[in-house]
Amino acid sequence: MTESTTQATTNRSTTPTGSAFTEQIQQGWAERPESTPEPREAAAFAAERRARISAMHPGVRLVVPAGSLKVRSNDTDYPFRAHPDFTYLTGWGSDAEPDSVLVLEPMREGEGDGHRATLYFRGPAGRGTTEFYANPAIGEFWVGPRPSLSHVAADLGLATADLGELEAALSTEADALVVTGADAAVEAMVAGANPDGDMLARDLSELRLVKDAFEIAEVQAAVDATARGFDDVIADLAEATRHARGERVVEGAFHRRARLDGNAVGYDTIAASGHHACYLHWTRNDGEVREGDLILLDAGVEVDSLYTADITRTLPISGEFTELQRRVYEAVREAADAAFAIVRPGIVFKEVHAAAMEVIAAKTAEWGLLPISAEQSLEPDQQLHRRWMVHGTSHHLGLDVHDCAAARRDFYHDGIVREGMVFTIEPGLYFQADDLTVPEELRGIGVRIEDDILVTADGAVNLSGAIPRTADEVEAWMREIRSR
């Protein structure tokens, strides 16, 4: 890898500094032709979202940073990903520039209501500057060209200004709210920022609970790409069984699809084979993949708009479930189906979890695992069945895999389900290898089935329903992929 850094590296810099070199490298470059693009599809939706947050905070300056590069190791950075609230309000996705900031400035007296939106970002410096060749963090010779202010203005349907003008724009006193946590330097320069909590992030999370048509289409695109990634994994399972770290063969197969069809993975892939499937967030993915075991694949492609899928399937590595594996798998599927069956506008979000838990309690009682009845276990002060499923059944999904996290509990867990919401349904059963409360034959079996759900006017649709779900369908799916 060519050395590149956001940190000072003068102790090892070999870039020439003489006047002859400087004059030579700054000359002889062709002009880059630039056309004015039509606004991208997200632009109109982002404008509507800005209007909604504007109406919630009249007369208040709103500041939403994209965030900056984060150091991974010494002078190498993590891939940049803009803050979700910034993407939500601008439509700028995987191509967003680090350090950009959206400012919604209240209209002056006589100008009308609402806010004037300006996107501040670092425009091209030009080949006549030392930045071009000598700055490994942002120089075009190192990281490629940046778009012009006019190009981005047309692309996003937003007024733009150079990042160098931001500090002056934020220095005037005004009531202000800023999305905190994205860029400490920006937070520090916002004069008059409200110190009483991050109300802006809260309000944006609550707006994001209901998806618009663009968002729904992007989640569906992410789901469709994820389905192709699951096909790729099945096709590579034989290779995975031949490698000491077969889980990483699985992870790599999915990651390849995520990069080909999207921006990246939406979160660290869980490729949990055998007893690793009983660890809910197993992301080390360094274990073997053995015939006769199950592998739990929890993965999602993030598309270029930064919307992600979040899907789990549990697959028999041999291609066929054993009788016991099938029994556990179908119990989990029954719990998922029960939860899906109640989804419609007007229910309370936590009722989805309760519906799944009725099945989990019934099954664990039926198998003799509970010392009390299922009905007793479902009492709030009991919950013994939760030993084998300690996580929740659902979470919202969108620009974050766990979307809308800053929303108040009354809007989220205890909130009313509304048309346009997108969330997961993901029950599971996990019998850890050293769990002495279950029969030996159950130990080491972990199953989760997770789908992405869209709430409609009178019910719901399963956006990931085309990915096989029943035990019979999964076996047929694996046979079909392996026969290609």
Protein backbone atom coordinates (compact mmCIF):
# COMPACT_ATOMS: atom_id res chain seq x y z
CA MET A 1 0.00 0.00 0.00
CA THR A 2 1.27 3.48 -0.84
CA GLU A 3 1.89 5.47 2.31
CA SER A 4 -1.02 7.79 3.08
CA THR A 5 -1.83 9.59 6.27
CA THR A 6 -3.95 12.13 8.02
CA GLN A 7 -1.16 12.53 10.56
CA ALA A 8 2.16 14.38 10.32
CA THR A 9 4.77 12.26 8.56
CA THR A 10 7.57 14.76 8.06
CA ASN A 11 10.00 12.37 9.75
CA ARG A 12 9.79 10.04 6.74
CA SER A 13 8.56 12.25 3.91
CA THR A 14 10.48 11.90 0.64
CA THR A 15 8.41 14.35 -1.42
CA PRO A 16 10.75 16.83 -3.16
CA THR A 17 10.40 20.41 -2.02
CA GLY A 18 12.71 22.29 -4.38
CA SER A 19 11.41 25.06 -6.59
CA ALA A 20 12.33 23.22 -9.79
CA PHE A 21 10.26 20.19 -8.79
CA THR A 22 7.36 22.35 -7.60
CA GLU A 23 7.27 24.28 -10.86
CA GLN A 24 7.53 21.09 -12.91
CA ILE A 25 4.79 19.12 -11.12
CA GLN A 26 2.28 21.97 -11.14
CA GLN A 27 2.37 22.35 -14.92
CA GLY A 28 1.29 20.33 -17.94
CA TRP A 29 -2.04 18.99 -16.74
CA ALA A 30 -5.05 18.77 -19.06
CA GLU A 31 -8.27 20.42 -18.02
CA ARG A 32 -10.82 17.99 -16.65
CA PRO A 33 -14.10 18.31 -18.53
CA GLU A 34 -17.06 18.62 -16.20
CA SER A 35 -20.73 18.40 -17.08
CA THR A 36 -23.59 19.54 -14.91
CA PRO A 37 -25.52 16.49 -13.73
CA GLU A 38 -29.24 16.18 -13.27
CA PRO A 39 -30.24 15.94 -9.59
CA ARG A 40 -29.91 12.41 -8.28
CA GLU A 41 -33.07 10.56 -7.30
CA ALA A 42 -32.45 11.08 -3.59
CA ALA A 43 -32.32 14.89 -3.93
CA ALA A 44 -36.07 15.58 -3.93
CA PHE A 45 -36.61 13.22 -0.99
CA ALA A 46 -33.78 14.85 0.98
CA ALA A 47 -35.29 18.28 0.35
CA GLU A 48 -38.61 17.11 1.79
CA ARG A 49 -36.82 15.73 4.85
CA ARG A 50 -35.05 19.06 5.36
CA ALA A 51 -38.38 20.83 5.20
CA ARG A 52 -39.77 18.55 7.90
CA ILE A 53 -36.89 19.06 10.33
CA SER A 54 -36.95 22.79 9.54
CA ALA A 55 -40.60 23.01 10.58
CA MET A 56 -39.76 21.34 13.90
CA HIS A 57 -37.12 23.96 14.80
CA PRO A 58 -38.18 27.42 13.54
CA GLY A 59 -35.60 30.13 14.05
CA VAL A 60 -32.88 27.70 15.15
CA ARG A 61 -29.63 27.05 13.28
CA LEU A 62 -29.26 23.31 12.55
CA VAL A 63 -25.80 21.86 11.98
CA VAL A 64 -25.29 18.32 10.68
CA PRO A 65 -21.69 17.20 10.08
CA ALA A 66 -20.79 14.28 7.85
CA GLY A 67 -17.89 13.43 10.15
CA SER A 68 -14.20 13.09 9.52
CA LEU A 69 -11.76 10.29 8.77
CA LYS A 70 -10.96 8.01 11.71
CA VAL A 71 -7.53 6.53 12.28
CA ARG A 72 -7.36 2.75 12.05
CA SER A 73 -3.64 2.33 12.67
CA ASN A 74 -1.05 5.08 12.96
CA ASP A 75 -1.38 6.83 9.57
CA THR A 76 -4.04 4.67 7.90
CA ASP A 77 -7.73 5.45 8.17
CA TYR A 78 -10.93 3.46 8.17
CA PRO A 79 -12.98 3.81 4.98
CA PHE A 80 -15.04 6.95 5.31
CA ARG A 81 -18.79 6.65 5.84
CA ALA A 82 -20.86 9.78 6.35
CA HIS A 83 -23.01 10.17 9.44
CA PRO A 84 -26.49 8.75 8.70
CA ASP A 85 -28.28 11.98 9.62
CA PHE A 86 -26.10 13.88 7.15
CA THR A 87 -26.89 11.37 4.40
CA TYR A 88 -30.60 11.48 5.30
CA LEU A 89 -30.75 15.25 4.84
CA THR A 90 -28.47 15.59 1.79
CA GLY A 91 -28.83 12.36 -0.20
CA TRP A 92 -25.02 12.15 -0.35
CA GLY A 93 -24.11 8.48 0.15
CA SER A 94 -20.92 6.50 -0.45
CA ASP A 95 -19.43 9.35 -2.50
CA ALA A 96 -19.74 11.96 0.28
CA GLU A 97 -16.63 13.95 1.12
CA PRO A 98 -15.13 13.77 4.64
CA ASP A 99 -15.50 16.86 6.85
CA SER A 100 -18.57 18.11 4.95
CA VAL A 101 -21.22 19.94 6.97
CA LEU A 102 -24.85 20.75 6.23
CA VAL A 103 -26.08 23.99 7.80
CA LEU A 104 -29.73 24.98 7.91
CA GLU A 105 -29.72 28.70 8.64
CA PRO A 106 -33.02 30.33 9.70
CA MET A 107 -34.41 32.77 7.17
CA ARG A 108 -33.83 36.41 8.03
CA GLU A 109 -36.70 38.74 8.80
CA GLY A 110 -38.64 39.48 5.62
CA GLU A 111 -37.31 36.39 3.78
CA GLY A 112 -40.13 34.07 4.84
CA ASP A 113 -40.28 31.02 7.05
CA GLY A 114 -38.03 28.00 7.20
CA HIS A 115 -34.30 27.63 6.67
CA ARG A 116 -31.73 28.20 3.97
CA ALA A 117 -29.69 25.02 3.43
CA THR A 118 -26.00 25.19 2.54
CA LEU A 119 -23.63 22.28 2.13
CA TYR A 120 -20.05 23.12 3.06
CA PHE A 121 -17.35 20.82 1.75
CA ARG A 122 -13.76 20.80 0.57
CA GLY A 123 -13.77 21.56 -3.13
CA PRO A 124 -10.89 20.92 -5.54
CA ALA A 125 -7.66 22.70 -4.61
CA GLY A 126 -6.22 22.57 -8.12
CA ARG A 127 -2.94 21.28 -9.49
CA GLY A 128 -1.26 24.60 -8.81
CA THR A 129 -1.19 23.96 -5.05
CA THR A 130 1.15 21.90 -2.92
CA GLU A 131 -1.88 20.08 -1.52
CA PHE A 132 -2.28 18.36 -4.89
CA TYR A 133 0.90 16.31 -4.60
CA ALA A 134 2.16 16.77 -1.02
CA ASN A 135 -0.88 16.10 1.17
CA PRO A 136 -1.44 12.33 1.43
CA ALA A 137 -4.70 12.77 3.33
CA ILE A 138 -6.62 14.87 0.83
CA GLY A 139 -4.34 15.62 -2.13
CA GLU A 140 -5.71 14.57 -5.52
CA PHE A 141 -2.46 12.81 -6.46
CA TRP A 142 -3.08 10.50 -3.49
CA VAL A 143 -6.84 10.02 -3.15
CA GLY A 144 -8.25 11.16 -6.48
CA PRO A 145 -10.11 14.30 -7.56
CA ARG A 146 -12.84 15.93 -5.53
CA PRO A 147 -16.05 17.19 -7.16
CA SER A 148 -16.56 20.88 -7.73
CA LEU A 149 -18.99 23.02 -5.75
CA SER A 150 -21.17 23.49 -8.84
CA HIS A 151 -21.23 19.77 -9.63
CA VAL A 152 -22.38 18.84 -6.12
CA ALA A 153 -24.90 21.69 -6.05
CA ALA A 154 -26.56 20.34 -9.20
CA ASP A 155 -26.23 16.70 -8.14
CA LEU A 156 -27.86 17.19 -4.72
CA GLY A 157 -30.05 20.20 -5.44
CA LEU A 158 -28.35 22.14 -2.66
CA ALA A 159 -26.50 25.43 -2.35
CA THR A 160 -22.81 24.72 -1.73
CA ALA A 161 -19.92 26.65 -0.25
CA ASP A 162 -16.26 25.95 0.35
CA LEU A 163 -15.42 24.37 3.69
CA GLY A 164 -13.11 27.28 4.44
CA GLU A 165 -16.17 29.51 4.85
CA LEU A 166 -17.79 27.31 7.51
CA GLU A 167 -16.20 28.77 10.62
CA ALA A 168 -17.32 32.27 9.77
CA ALA A 169 -20.84 31.03 9.03
CA LEU A 170 -21.05 29.37 12.45
CA SER A 171 -19.37 32.14 14.46
CA THR A 172 -22.38 34.44 14.67
CA GLU A 173 -24.51 33.99 17.77
CA ALA A 174 -27.77 32.11 17.21
CA ASP A 175 -29.86 29.51 18.88
CA ALA A 176 -28.33 26.34 17.45
CA LEU A 177 -28.63 22.57 17.49
CA VAL A 178 -25.89 20.29 16.24
CA VAL A 179 -25.78 16.54 15.68
CA THR A 180 -23.10 15.62 18.22
CA GLY A 181 -20.61 12.81 17.98
CA ALA A 182 -19.93 13.17 14.27
CA ASP A 183 -17.26 15.88 14.33
CA ALA A 184 -15.92 17.40 17.54
CA ALA A 185 -14.19 20.25 15.70
CA VAL A 186 -17.49 21.35 14.15
CA GLU A 187 -19.29 21.11 17.48
CA ALA A 188 -16.69 23.38 19.05
CA MET A 189 -17.16 26.13 16.47
CA VAL A 190 -20.98 26.29 16.67
CA ALA A 191 -21.78 29.46 18.56
CA GLY A 192 -24.87 29.24 20.77
CA ALA A 193 -25.21 25.44 20.58
CA ASN A 194 -27.86 24.04 22.92
CA PRO A 195 -26.11 22.16 25.75
CA ASP A 196 -29.20 20.20 26.87
CA GLY A 197 -28.78 16.94 24.99
CA ASP A 198 -28.77 16.11 21.32
CA MET A 199 -32.35 17.05 20.45
CA LEU A 200 -31.58 17.26 16.75
CA ALA A 201 -30.35 13.64 16.59
CA ARG A 202 -33.42 12.58 18.54
CA ASP A 203 -35.80 14.37 16.21
CA LEU A 204 -34.08 13.02 13.12
CA SER A 205 -34.21 9.48 14.51
CA GLU A 206 -37.92 9.84 15.07
CA LEU A 207 -38.45 11.19 11.54
CA ARG A 208 -36.47 8.26 10.15
CA LEU A 209 -38.80 5.72 11.80
CA VAL A 210 -41.11 5.98 8.78
CA LYS A 211 -39.42 5.46 5.43
CA ASP A 212 -40.27 7.31 2.23
CA ALA A 213 -40.53 5.65 -1.17
CA PHE A 214 -36.85 6.19 -1.99
CA GLU A 215 -35.73 4.60 1.27
CA ILE A 216 -37.98 1.58 0.82
CA ALA A 217 -36.63 0.99 -2.68
CA GLU A 218 -33.05 1.25 -1.43
CA VAL A 219 -33.63 -1.24 1.39
CA GLN A 220 -35.18 -3.60 -1.15
CA ALA A 221 -32.12 -3.20 -3.39
CA ALA A 222 -29.90 -4.02 -0.40
CA VAL A 223 -32.02 -7.09 0.36
CA ASP A 224 -31.79 -8.28 -3.24
CA ALA A 225 -27.99 -7.91 -3.23
CA THR A 226 -27.85 -9.75 0.08
CA ALA A 227 -29.82 -12.62 -1.43
CA ARG A 228 -27.18 -12.91 -4.14
CA GLY A 229 -24.52 -12.94 -1.44
CA PHE A 230 -26.25 -15.84 0.31
CA ASP A 231 -26.23 -17.74 -3.00
CA ASP A 232 -22.48 -17.09 -3.24
CA VAL A 233 -21.93 -18.44 0.25
CA ILE A 234 -23.77 -21.67 -0.49
CA ALA A 235 -21.73 -22.11 -3.66
CA ASP A 236 -18.52 -21.76 -1.60
CA LEU A 237 -19.50 -23.98 1.35
CA ALA A 238 -17.55 -26.97 0.01
CA GLU A 239 -14.44 -24.78 -0.15
CA ALA A 240 -15.16 -23.58 3.39
CA THR A 241 -15.18 -27.14 4.75
CA ARG A 242 -11.66 -27.66 3.39
CA HIS A 243 -10.14 -24.69 5.21
CA ALA A 244 -9.11 -24.49 8.86
CA ARG A 245 -10.78 -21.07 9.01
CA GLY A 246 -13.77 -21.97 6.90
CA GLU A 247 -15.91 -19.28 8.52
CA ARG A 248 -13.65 -16.72 6.84
CA VAL A 249 -14.22 -18.36 3.47
CA VAL A 250 -17.93 -17.73 4.10
CA GLU A 251 -17.31 -14.17 5.26
CA GLY A 252 -15.12 -13.49 2.24
CA ALA A 253 -17.68 -14.84 -0.23
CA PHE A 254 -20.30 -12.50 1.15
CA HIS A 255 -17.95 -9.52 1.34
CA ARG A 256 -17.05 -9.94 -2.33
CA ARG A 257 -20.73 -9.62 -3.25
CA ALA A 258 -21.17 -6.61 -0.98
CA ARG A 259 -18.35 -4.78 -2.72
CA LEU A 260 -19.48 -5.79 -6.21
CA ASP A 261 -23.15 -4.90 -5.78
CA GLY A 262 -22.97 -2.23 -3.11
CA ASN A 263 -20.72 -0.03 -1.03
CA ALA A 264 -19.72 -2.53 1.65
CA VAL A 265 -21.25 -4.77 4.27
CA GLY A 266 -23.72 -2.94 6.48
CA TYR A 267 -22.12 -4.45 9.61
CA ASP A 268 -19.55 -7.09 10.46
CA THR A 269 -20.72 -10.38 9.01
CA ILE A 270 -21.57 -13.15 11.47
CA ALA A 271 -20.47 -16.46 9.92
CA ALA A 272 -20.99 -18.73 12.91
CA SER A 273 -20.56 -22.44 12.37
CA GLY A 274 -21.36 -25.19 14.87
CA HIS A 275 -21.46 -24.04 18.48
CA HIS A 276 -20.29 -20.54 17.44
CA ALA A 277 -23.89 -19.97 16.26
CA CYS A 278 -24.85 -19.77 19.93
CA TYR A 279 -22.80 -16.58 20.35
CA LEU A 280 -25.12 -13.82 19.20
CA HIS A 281 -22.50 -11.47 17.75
CA TRP A 282 -19.79 -13.92 16.70
CA THR A 283 -17.67 -11.91 14.26
CA ARG A 284 -14.23 -13.48 14.78
CA ASN A 285 -15.20 -15.96 12.08
CA ASP A 286 -12.07 -18.02 12.61
CA GLY A 287 -13.63 -21.45 13.11
CA GLU A 288 -14.00 -24.55 11.02
CA VAL A 289 -17.05 -25.32 8.88
CA ARG A 290 -17.83 -28.99 9.36
CA GLU A 291 -20.21 -31.34 7.60
CA GLY A 292 -23.11 -32.20 9.87
CA ASP A 293 -23.13 -28.84 11.65
CA LEU A 294 -25.26 -25.78 11.03
CA ILE A 295 -23.87 -22.41 10.00
CA LEU A 296 -25.65 -19.21 11.01
CA LEU A 297 -25.06 -16.42 8.49
CA ASP A 298 -26.17 -12.96 9.65
CA ALA A 299 -25.18 -10.51 6.91
CA GLY A 300 -26.33 -7.49 4.94
CA VAL A 301 -25.18 -5.58 1.89
CA GLU A 302 -25.04 -1.79 2.24
CA VAL A 303 -25.81 -0.17 -1.11
CA ASP A 304 -24.25 3.11 -2.31
CA SER A 305 -27.03 5.18 -0.78
CA LEU A 306 -25.86 3.68 2.57
CA TYR A 307 -29.11 1.79 3.23
CA THR A 308 -28.50 -1.74 4.44
CA ALA A 309 -30.21 -5.09 4.66
CA ASP A 310 -29.98 -7.31 7.76
CA ILE A 311 -30.82 -10.94 7.07
CA THR A 312 -30.05 -14.22 8.80
CA ARG A 313 -30.38 -17.75 7.53
CA THR A 314 -29.19 -20.89 9.30
CA LEU A 315 -27.99 -23.51 6.84
CA PRO A 316 -27.15 -27.22 7.20
CA ILE A 317 -23.59 -27.46 5.92
CA SER A 318 -24.22 -30.92 4.45
CA GLY A 319 -27.29 -29.60 2.65
CA GLU A 320 -29.79 -31.46 4.83
CA PHE A 321 -30.98 -30.91 8.40
CA THR A 322 -30.83 -33.71 10.92
CA GLU A 323 -34.14 -34.48 12.58
CA LEU A 324 -33.13 -32.57 15.71
CA GLN A 325 -31.76 -29.59 13.79
CA ARG A 326 -34.96 -29.45 11.78
CA ARG A 327 -37.07 -29.46 14.96
CA VAL A 328 -35.21 -26.48 16.40
CA TYR A 329 -35.15 -24.67 13.05
CA GLU A 330 -38.88 -25.04 12.45
CA ALA A 331 -39.64 -23.89 16.00
CA VAL A 332 -37.75 -20.67 15.31
CA ARG A 333 -39.52 -20.26 11.98
CA GLU A 334 -42.88 -20.72 13.69
CA ALA A 335 -41.95 -17.94 16.13
CA ALA A 336 -40.98 -15.66 13.22
CA ASP A 337 -44.22 -16.41 11.41
CA ALA A 338 -46.26 -15.67 14.53
CA ALA A 339 -44.56 -12.30 14.91
CA PHE A 340 -45.04 -11.42 11.24
CA ALA A 341 -48.73 -12.38 11.38
CA ILE A 342 -49.60 -9.58 13.82
CA VAL A 343 -47.74 -6.75 12.06
CA ARG A 344 -50.03 -3.97 10.89
CA PRO A 345 -50.41 -0.25 11.58
CA GLY A 346 -51.74 0.51 15.04
CA ILE A 347 -50.12 -2.25 17.08
CA VAL A 348 -47.42 -1.44 19.61
CA PHE A 349 -43.92 -2.29 18.39
CA LYS A 350 -43.10 -4.46 21.41
CA GLU A 351 -46.07 -6.71 20.61
CA VAL A 352 -44.05 -8.17 17.75
CA HIS A 353 -41.52 -9.50 20.24
CA ALA A 354 -44.27 -10.76 22.55
CA ALA A 355 -45.84 -12.80 19.72
CA ALA A 356 -42.53 -14.52 18.98
CA MET A 357 -41.91 -15.21 22.66
CA GLU A 358 -45.21 -17.04 23.03
CA VAL A 359 -43.93 -19.62 20.57
CA ILE A 360 -40.45 -19.81 22.11
CA ALA A 361 -41.96 -20.36 25.57
CA ALA A 362 -44.36 -22.99 24.24
CA LYS A 363 -41.62 -24.91 22.44
CA THR A 364 -39.13 -24.91 25.29
CA ALA A 365 -41.89 -26.03 27.66
CA GLU A 366 -42.98 -28.76 25.23
CA TRP A 367 -39.40 -30.07 25.08
CA GLY A 368 -39.21 -30.25 28.87
CA LEU A 369 -36.64 -27.50 29.25
CA LEU A 370 -38.73 -25.29 31.55
CA PRO A 371 -39.41 -26.12 35.23
CA ILE A 372 -42.70 -24.20 34.92
CA SER A 373 -45.44 -23.93 32.30
CA ALA A 374 -45.09 -21.74 29.22
CA GLU A 375 -47.83 -19.48 30.55
CA GLN A 376 -45.98 -19.01 33.83
CA SER A 377 -42.70 -18.39 32.04
CA LEU A 378 -44.29 -15.60 30.02
CA GLU A 379 -45.05 -13.64 33.19
CA PRO A 380 -42.87 -10.52 33.38
CA ASP A 381 -41.15 -11.67 36.59
CA GLN A 382 -40.30 -15.12 35.18
CA GLN A 383 -39.13 -15.18 31.54
CA LEU A 384 -37.22 -18.44 31.99
CA HIS A 385 -37.49 -19.26 28.27
CA ARG A 386 -35.37 -16.19 27.56
CA ARG A 387 -32.30 -18.15 28.71
CA TRP A 388 -32.19 -19.47 25.15
CA MET A 389 -33.08 -16.18 23.44
CA VAL A 390 -31.84 -13.19 25.37
CA HIS A 391 -32.08 -10.68 22.51
CA GLY A 392 -35.09 -8.80 21.18
CA THR A 393 -37.07 -9.91 18.15
CA SER A 394 -37.06 -6.68 16.15
CA HIS A 395 -35.19 -3.46 15.49
CA HIS A 396 -35.66 -0.69 12.95
CA LEU A 397 -33.56 -0.79 9.79
CA GLY A 398 -32.36 1.77 7.25
CA LEU A 399 -29.25 3.96 7.13
CA ASP A 400 -28.08 2.15 10.25
CA VAL A 401 -28.45 -1.56 10.79
CA HIS A 402 -29.94 -0.64 14.17
CA ASP A 403 -31.71 2.42 12.85
CA CYS A 404 -33.27 5.35 14.69
CA ALA A 405 -31.36 4.56 17.88
CA ALA A 406 -31.71 8.08 19.31
CA ALA A 407 -35.52 7.95 19.21
CA ARG A 408 -37.31 8.08 22.54
CA ARG A 409 -38.66 4.83 23.97
CA ASP A 410 -42.23 6.06 23.54
CA PHE A 411 -41.57 6.31 19.81
CA TYR A 412 -39.57 3.09 19.48
CA HIS A 413 -40.05 0.14 21.85
CA ASP A 414 -43.37 1.42 23.17
CA GLY A 415 -44.27 3.23 19.96
CA ILE A 416 -47.16 2.65 17.59
CA VAL A 417 -46.33 0.79 14.40
CA ARG A 418 -47.03 2.93 11.32
CA GLU A 419 -47.21 2.37 7.60
CA GLY A 420 -43.78 2.79 6.03
CA MET A 421 -41.79 1.45 8.96
CA VAL A 422 -39.07 -1.06 8.09
CA PHE A 423 -37.81 -3.42 10.78
CA THR A 424 -36.46 -6.89 11.33
CA ILE A 425 -38.12 -9.99 12.74
CA GLU A 426 -35.39 -12.29 14.06
CA PRO A 427 -36.23 -14.87 16.73
CA GLY A 428 -33.73 -17.57 17.60
CA LEU A 429 -32.85 -20.44 19.90
CA TYR A 430 -29.30 -20.87 21.18
CA PHE A 431 -28.25 -23.90 23.19
CA GLN A 432 -24.66 -23.24 24.14
CA ALA A 433 -22.21 -26.12 24.19
CA ASP A 434 -21.75 -25.98 27.96
CA ASP A 435 -25.41 -25.46 28.91
CA LEU A 436 -26.16 -28.25 31.39
CA THR A 437 -29.85 -27.34 31.59
CA VAL A 438 -30.59 -28.88 28.18
CA PRO A 439 -30.15 -32.43 26.86
CA GLU A 440 -26.70 -33.15 25.49
CA GLU A 441 -28.00 -33.59 21.95
CA LEU A 442 -29.22 -29.96 21.90
CA ARG A 443 -25.95 -28.46 23.09
CA GLY A 444 -24.12 -26.53 20.40
CA ILE A 445 -27.18 -25.93 18.22
CA GLY A 446 -27.91 -22.29 17.42
CA VAL A 447 -30.60 -21.12 15.00
CA ARG A 448 -31.76 -17.65 13.98
CA ILE A 449 -34.04 -16.65 11.10
CA GLU A 450 -34.16 -12.94 10.30
CA ASP A 451 -36.19 -11.08 7.71
CA ASP A 452 -36.67 -7.42 6.82
CA ILE A 453 -40.30 -6.28 7.05
CA LEU A 454 -42.14 -3.32 5.51
CA VAL A 455 -45.36 -2.18 7.18
CA THR A 456 -48.12 -1.52 4.64
CA ALA A 457 -51.51 0.18 4.95
CA ASP A 458 -53.22 -2.99 6.14
CA GLY A 459 -50.45 -5.40 7.13
CA ALA A 460 -46.87 -6.05 6.12
CA VAL A 461 -44.70 -7.51 3.39
CA ASN A 462 -41.52 -9.51 3.86
CA LEU A 463 -38.90 -7.73 1.77
CA SER A 464 -36.60 -10.75 2.10
CA GLY A 465 -39.32 -13.34 1.62
CA ALA A 466 -37.80 -14.53 -1.66
CA ILE A 467 -34.87 -15.99 0.29
CA PRO A 468 -35.93 -19.55 1.27
CA ARG A 469 -37.15 -19.83 4.84
CA THR A 470 -38.69 -23.22 5.63
CA ALA A 471 -36.45 -26.22 6.25
CA ASP A 472 -37.67 -27.89 3.06
CA GLU A 473 -37.10 -24.70 1.04
CA VAL A 474 -33.59 -24.28 2.45
CA GLU A 475 -32.62 -27.82 1.51
CA ALA A 476 -34.02 -27.38 -2.01
CA TRP A 477 -32.21 -24.04 -2.34
CA MET A 478 -28.89 -25.59 -1.38
CA ARG A 479 -29.37 -28.47 -3.82
CA GLU A 480 -30.18 -26.05 -6.63
CA ILE A 481 -27.14 -23.79 -5.99
CA ARG A 482 -24.79 -26.77 -5.71
CA SER A 483 -26.05 -28.28 -8.95
CA ARG A 484 -25.10 -25.25 -11.05
